[in-house]
Protein backbone atom coordinates (compact mmCIF):
# COMPACT_ATOMS: atom_id res chain seq x y z
CA MET A 1 -25.34 -0.60 35.97
CA PRO A 2 -21.96 0.28 35.06
CA ASN A 3 -19.07 -0.37 37.62
CA SER A 4 -15.66 0.50 36.25
CA THR A 5 -14.57 4.12 35.69
CA GLU A 6 -14.28 3.67 31.92
CA GLU A 7 -17.99 2.09 31.81
CA ILE A 8 -19.39 5.03 33.79
CA ARG A 9 -17.62 7.53 31.30
CA THR A 10 -19.02 5.48 28.27
CA THR A 11 -22.47 5.45 29.53
CA VAL A 12 -22.52 9.26 30.41
CA LYS A 13 -20.94 10.11 27.08
CA GLN A 14 -23.63 7.90 25.24
CA ARG A 15 -26.45 9.44 27.34
CA PHE A 16 -25.68 13.02 26.45
CA ALA A 17 -24.58 12.38 22.89
CA LYS A 18 -28.34 11.38 22.57
CA ILE A 19 -29.43 14.42 24.32
CA ALA A 20 -27.58 16.48 21.76
CA ARG A 21 -29.02 14.64 18.92
CA SER A 22 -32.70 14.01 20.13
CA PRO A 23 -33.44 16.15 23.03
CA ASP A 24 -37.09 15.60 22.76
CA GLN A 25 -36.43 11.78 23.34
CA GLU A 26 -35.18 12.34 26.84
CA LYS A 27 -37.95 11.13 29.31
CA LYS A 28 -35.94 10.51 32.79
CA PHE A 29 -34.58 13.97 33.26
CA PRO A 30 -35.88 17.54 32.45
CA VAL A 31 -34.15 19.30 29.64
CA GLY A 32 -34.77 22.17 27.48
CA PRO A 33 -35.85 25.85 27.91
CA ALA A 34 -38.68 25.06 30.31
CA SER A 35 -36.13 23.45 32.78
CA ALA A 36 -33.84 26.23 32.53
CA LYS A 37 -36.55 28.76 33.38
CA ALA A 38 -37.71 26.60 36.37
CA LEU A 39 -34.09 26.69 37.41
CA GLY A 40 -33.99 30.52 37.80
CA TYR A 41 -32.66 31.49 34.33
CA ASP A 42 -34.13 34.77 33.11
CA ALA A 43 -37.23 33.72 30.90
CA ASP A 44 -36.87 36.64 28.48
CA GLU A 45 -33.15 35.70 27.85
CA ILE A 46 -34.01 32.12 27.38
CA ASP A 47 -36.92 32.87 24.93
CA ALA A 48 -34.55 35.26 22.94
CA LEU A 49 -32.12 32.35 22.20
CA PRO A 50 -32.49 30.03 19.25
CA PRO A 51 -34.20 26.63 20.01
CA SER A 52 -30.96 24.88 19.19
CA ALA A 53 -29.13 26.79 22.06
CA THR A 54 -31.80 25.70 24.67
CA GLU A 55 -33.45 22.38 23.53
CA SER A 56 -30.33 20.21 25.04
CA PHE A 57 -29.92 22.04 28.19
CA CYS A 58 -29.37 19.50 30.96
CA GLY A 59 -28.51 21.65 33.96
CA VAL A 60 -29.68 21.23 37.50
CA GLY A 61 -29.31 24.70 38.76
CA ASN A 62 -28.19 28.12 37.52
CA SER A 63 -24.44 28.20 37.67
CA LEU A 64 -24.29 31.93 36.74
CA GLY A 65 -26.88 32.59 39.45
CA ARG A 66 -24.44 33.47 42.39
CA GLY A 67 -22.47 35.92 40.56
CA GLU A 68 -22.02 36.87 36.79
CA PRO A 69 -18.80 37.00 34.90
CA LEU A 70 -17.62 40.53 34.63
CA PRO A 71 -16.37 41.98 31.34
CA GLY A 72 -12.84 40.89 30.57
CA LEU A 73 -12.73 37.60 32.53
CA THR A 74 -11.64 34.39 31.30
CA VAL A 75 -14.24 31.66 32.19
CA ARG A 76 -13.97 27.89 31.79
CA ASP A 77 -17.29 25.85 31.55
CA LEU A 78 -16.77 22.25 32.76
CA GLY A 79 -19.31 19.87 31.16
CA CYS A 80 -20.70 22.59 28.84
CA GLY A 81 -23.03 20.32 26.87
CA ALA A 82 -24.58 22.39 24.13
CA GLY A 83 -23.34 25.54 25.37
CA LEU A 84 -26.11 27.55 27.23
CA ASP A 85 -24.05 28.58 30.16
CA SER A 86 -21.02 29.18 28.09
CA LEU A 87 -23.10 31.38 25.41
CA LEU A 88 -24.64 33.45 28.38
CA ALA A 89 -21.08 33.85 29.99
CA ALA A 90 -19.71 34.80 26.60
CA ARG A 91 -22.28 37.69 26.34
CA ARG A 92 -21.40 38.76 29.88
CA VAL A 93 -17.54 38.93 29.54
CA GLY A 94 -17.91 40.75 26.36
CA PRO A 95 -15.22 41.11 23.37
CA THR A 96 -12.31 41.56 25.77
CA GLY A 97 -13.17 38.35 27.74
CA LYS A 98 -13.06 34.65 26.79
CA VAL A 99 -15.05 31.48 27.50
CA ILE A 100 -13.94 28.02 26.92
CA GLY A 101 -16.42 25.27 27.00
CA VAL A 102 -15.28 21.65 27.67
CA ASP A 103 -17.27 18.42 27.07
CA MET A 104 -16.61 14.91 26.50
CA ALA A 105 -19.55 14.14 24.02
CA PRO A 106 -18.32 15.24 20.66
CA GLU A 107 -22.14 15.87 19.62
CA MET A 108 -22.50 18.27 22.28
CA VAL A 109 -19.44 20.23 21.61
CA GLU A 110 -20.37 20.52 17.84
CA LYS A 111 -23.87 21.71 18.75
CA ALA A 112 -22.31 24.31 21.05
CA ARG A 113 -20.09 25.43 18.19
CA ARG A 114 -22.88 25.68 15.90
CA ASN A 115 -24.87 27.87 18.54
CA ALA A 116 -21.91 30.29 18.93
CA ARG A 117 -21.73 30.75 15.21
CA LEU A 118 -25.46 31.19 15.04
CA LEU A 119 -25.19 33.78 17.70
CA GLY A 120 -22.15 35.38 16.29
CA LEU A 121 -20.10 34.95 19.44
CA ASN A 122 -16.28 35.01 18.78
CA ASN A 123 -15.29 35.01 22.32
CA VAL A 124 -16.20 31.56 23.04
CA GLU A 125 -14.67 28.24 21.91
CA PHE A 126 -15.55 24.56 22.65
CA VAL A 127 -13.18 21.70 23.34
CA ASN A 128 -13.96 17.92 23.27
CA ALA A 129 -12.08 16.69 26.27
CA GLY A 130 -12.67 15.35 29.71
CA ILE A 131 -12.60 17.57 32.74
CA GLU A 132 -10.25 15.33 34.77
CA LYS A 133 -7.24 16.79 33.16
CA LEU A 134 -8.04 20.11 31.56
CA PRO A 135 -5.93 21.31 28.34
CA VAL A 136 -5.05 24.69 30.09
CA SER A 137 -2.19 26.01 32.03
CA ASP A 138 -2.28 26.69 35.84
CA GLY A 139 -4.00 29.91 37.15
CA SER A 140 -5.10 30.89 33.74
CA VAL A 141 -9.01 31.16 34.23
CA ASP A 142 -10.76 33.73 36.36
CA MET A 143 -13.96 31.69 36.73
CA VAL A 144 -14.94 28.11 36.52
CA ILE A 145 -18.53 27.25 36.03
CA SER A 146 -20.07 23.74 35.84
CA ASN A 147 -23.85 22.78 35.89
CA GLY A 148 -24.85 19.25 36.84
CA VAL A 149 -21.57 17.66 36.05
CA PHE A 150 -19.55 16.73 39.16
CA ASN A 151 -22.15 14.18 40.11
CA LEU A 152 -21.34 12.42 36.84
CA CYS A 153 -17.66 12.12 37.50
CA PRO A 154 -16.19 8.92 38.92
CA ASP A 155 -13.26 10.81 40.40
CA LYS A 156 -14.66 13.78 42.06
CA PRO A 157 -11.54 14.91 43.99
CA THR A 158 -9.48 14.95 40.83
CA VAL A 159 -11.91 17.11 38.87
CA LEU A 160 -12.22 19.37 41.67
CA ALA A 161 -8.45 19.73 42.20
CA GLU A 162 -8.29 20.33 38.31
CA ALA A 163 -10.76 23.21 38.56
CA PHE A 164 -8.92 24.90 41.23
CA ARG A 165 -5.41 24.28 39.42
CA VAL A 166 -6.79 26.27 36.64
CA LEU A 167 -8.12 29.26 38.75
CA ARG A 168 -5.95 32.38 39.06
CA PRO A 169 -5.48 33.56 42.76
CA GLY A 170 -8.74 35.07 43.71
CA GLY A 171 -10.63 33.16 41.05
CA ARG A 172 -14.02 31.67 41.59
CA LEU A 173 -15.63 28.23 41.08
CA GLN A 174 -19.55 28.48 40.71
CA MET A 175 -21.28 25.15 40.39
CA ALA A 176 -24.73 23.89 40.43
CA ASP A 177 -25.04 20.11 41.05
CA ILE A 178 -26.88 17.39 42.82
CA LEU A 179 -25.76 15.04 45.54
CA LEU A 180 -26.98 12.32 47.91
CA ARG A 181 -27.17 13.03 51.68
CA ASP A 182 -25.28 10.75 53.81
CA ASP A 183 -28.40 9.03 55.29
CA VAL A 184 -29.33 7.67 51.82
CA ARG A 185 -29.16 3.91 51.89
CA ALA A 186 -27.70 1.74 49.13
CA GLU A 187 -30.86 0.21 48.09
CA GLU A 188 -32.38 3.79 47.56
CA VAL A 189 -29.33 4.55 45.44
CA ALA A 190 -29.78 1.33 43.32
CA GLN A 191 -33.34 2.45 42.66
CA LYS A 192 -32.29 5.68 41.18
CA GLY A 193 -31.25 3.90 38.02
CA GLU A 194 -28.14 4.48 35.62
CA TRP A 195 -25.33 6.61 36.71
CA SER A 196 -26.22 9.36 34.30
CA ASP A 197 -29.91 9.62 35.34
């Protein structure tokens, strides 16, 4: 099991690069369109997307389910993966809005870019970067979304502070994630497997 921050990042990056390349090989964690539907995404909307836009979906919830981005907003998607949430958000913000997805796995970013081109979405871009230091100015984003990413970050306070740094006054953070309860014992955590499981 990785111990250092860099080992954790490397493990996570490798895991999600593999899911970008071969989503059908993922056996430990639910991925793909069936998982998205089970998490509350609209089944018709998911079915209408090309398979490449849904097959590598690794979310743990529906980050858009608590309030959809409105037309004209700027949205930042932290840990965008192959882009499902970014693509759906781009449709909602329309041509006057903008969505920027950020992911540390170059394979996911490239897949997300291909998916955006395939869907003809010109109001979304994808950046290969970590989310601990976002390449964007203070107070420049109306909404930050994230789906199953904070739990993978070794330095959660820094990532959360960075999300709030980029939000405009009155902006919104919407995230879906998993966490361990305080009563979970160290032995139980060890049985869960790798950091990225």
